[in-house]
């Protein structure tokens, strides 16, 4: 049993976090998502920070600034690893939106009424 637990811990440490590539989801809108294999042992704050740092580095590589558009976090629970999804746009450094970004939580469920 100890050997199995030790092997499981090693696998979790080696896999760490599964991070998707930054993908375009519009003409100037991008998304990045990261899932942690650390489960309840991974703080959501550090997961978010890692994702936002990658988005900022991506923007900087293009000479731009990443402005948040939406976020969605899925906390860990039995059978589900924590996940953080971040959507952003790129703007020039002198763009007015760069000085006061607003982040909105993405809805987990949309209800559409037919009238």
Protein backbone atom coordinates (compact mmCIF):
# COMPACT_ATOMS: atom_id res chain seq x y z
CA UNK A 1 0.00 0.00 0.00
CA UNK A 2 2.84 2.39 0.84
CA UNK A 3 4.46 1.64 -2.51
CA UNK A 4 1.22 2.38 -4.37
CA UNK A 5 0.76 5.67 -2.50
CA UNK A 6 4.39 6.64 -3.17
CA UNK A 7 3.99 5.87 -6.88
CA UNK A 8 0.83 7.94 -7.03
CA UNK A 9 2.56 10.91 -5.40
CA UNK A 10 5.43 10.71 -7.90
CA UNK A 11 3.00 10.64 -10.84
CA UNK A 12 1.17 13.70 -9.50
CA UNK A 13 4.41 15.60 -9.00
CA UNK A 14 5.67 14.72 -12.47
CA UNK A 15 2.44 15.59 -14.25
CA UNK A 16 1.86 18.76 -12.24
CA UNK A 17 -0.49 20.84 -14.34
CA UNK A 18 -1.96 20.26 -17.75
CA UNK A 19 -1.85 23.56 -19.59
CA UNK A 20 -3.46 24.05 -22.96
CA UNK A 21 -1.94 26.28 -25.60
CA UNK A 22 -3.18 29.82 -25.91
CA UNK A 23 -5.82 29.64 -28.60
CA UNK A 24 -7.63 32.37 -30.53
CA UNK A 25 -11.40 32.33 -30.02
CA UNK A 26 -12.13 35.46 -32.05
CA UNK A 27 -10.36 38.07 -34.14
CA UNK A 28 -8.55 39.48 -31.10
CA UNK A 29 -9.76 37.28 -28.25
CA UNK A 30 -7.72 34.45 -26.76
CA UNK A 31 -8.27 31.71 -24.20
CA UNK A 32 -5.95 29.72 -22.00
CA UNK A 33 -6.97 26.96 -19.60
CA UNK A 34 -5.02 25.03 -16.99
CA UNK A 35 -5.97 21.95 -14.99
CA UNK A 36 -3.99 20.93 -11.93
CA UNK A 37 -3.29 17.31 -11.10
CA UNK A 38 -2.59 18.47 -7.54
CA UNK A 39 -6.29 18.27 -6.68
CA UNK A 40 -7.13 19.72 -3.27
CA UNK A 41 -3.43 20.28 -2.67
CA UNK A 42 -3.25 22.99 -5.37
CA UNK A 43 -4.40 26.45 -4.33
CA UNK A 44 -6.70 28.09 -6.87
CA UNK A 45 -4.77 31.35 -6.44
CA UNK A 46 -1.52 29.83 -7.69
CA UNK A 47 -3.36 28.16 -10.58
CA UNK A 48 -4.84 31.53 -11.60
CA UNK A 49 -1.50 33.30 -11.24
CA UNK A 50 0.21 30.76 -13.50
CA UNK A 51 -2.42 31.17 -16.23
CA UNK A 52 -2.43 34.97 -16.07
CA UNK A 53 1.38 35.09 -16.18
CA UNK A 54 1.33 32.99 -19.37
CA UNK A 55 -1.29 35.28 -20.93
CA UNK A 56 0.78 38.35 -20.02
CA UNK A 57 3.97 36.81 -21.45
CA UNK A 58 2.08 35.97 -24.67
CA UNK A 59 0.86 39.57 -24.95
CA UNK A 60 4.31 40.97 -24.22
CA UNK A 61 5.83 38.79 -26.95
CA UNK A 62 3.52 40.59 -29.38
CA UNK A 63 4.25 44.06 -27.97
CA UNK A 64 0.76 44.27 -26.45
CA UNK A 65 -1.01 44.08 -23.09
CA UNK A 66 -3.47 41.33 -22.13
CA UNK A 67 -6.82 42.71 -20.98
CA UNK A 68 -9.08 40.21 -19.18
CA UNK A 69 -12.49 39.54 -20.68
CA UNK A 70 -13.81 36.57 -18.70
CA UNK A 71 -12.74 33.81 -16.36
CA UNK A 72 -14.14 30.51 -15.21
CA UNK A 73 -12.80 28.50 -12.31
CA UNK A 74 -13.73 24.96 -11.44
CA UNK A 75 -12.66 24.01 -7.91
CA UNK A 76 -11.49 20.52 -7.10
CA UNK A 77 -13.85 17.93 -5.70
CA UNK A 78 -13.83 14.15 -5.66
CA UNK A 79 -13.20 12.95 -9.19
CA UNK A 80 -12.53 16.45 -10.57
CA UNK A 81 -9.25 18.33 -10.75
CA UNK A 82 -9.26 22.12 -10.33
CA UNK A 83 -9.31 24.12 -13.56
CA UNK A 84 -8.98 27.78 -14.46
CA UNK A 85 -9.97 29.25 -17.83
CA UNK A 86 -8.98 32.80 -18.76
CA UNK A 87 -10.12 34.80 -21.77
CA UNK A 88 -8.39 38.00 -22.82
CA UNK A 89 -7.88 40.48 -25.64
CA UNK A 90 -4.68 42.17 -26.74
CA UNK A 91 -4.44 45.96 -26.81
CA UNK A 92 -1.68 48.48 -27.39
CA UNK A 93 0.08 49.81 -24.32
CA UNK A 94 -1.41 53.28 -24.82
CA UNK A 95 -4.99 51.98 -25.21
CA UNK A 96 -7.33 53.44 -22.53
CA UNK A 97 -8.55 49.92 -21.65
CA UNK A 98 -5.03 49.03 -20.51
CA UNK A 99 -5.27 51.30 -17.46
CA UNK A 100 -8.50 49.95 -15.96
CA UNK A 101 -9.32 46.36 -17.00
CA UNK A 102 -12.56 44.72 -15.83
CA UNK A 103 -12.81 40.95 -15.38
CA UNK A 104 -16.18 39.23 -15.59
CA UNK A 105 -16.95 35.71 -14.45
CA UNK A 106 -18.09 33.48 -17.30
CA UNK A 107 -21.45 31.84 -16.64
CA UNK A 108 -21.37 28.10 -16.04
CA UNK A 109 -24.93 27.72 -17.37
CA UNK A 110 -26.90 29.70 -19.92
CA UNK A 111 -30.69 29.55 -19.92
CA UNK A 112 -32.35 30.56 -23.17
CA UNK A 113 -36.08 31.19 -23.13
CA UNK A 114 -38.09 30.70 -26.29
CA UNK A 115 -40.83 33.32 -26.60
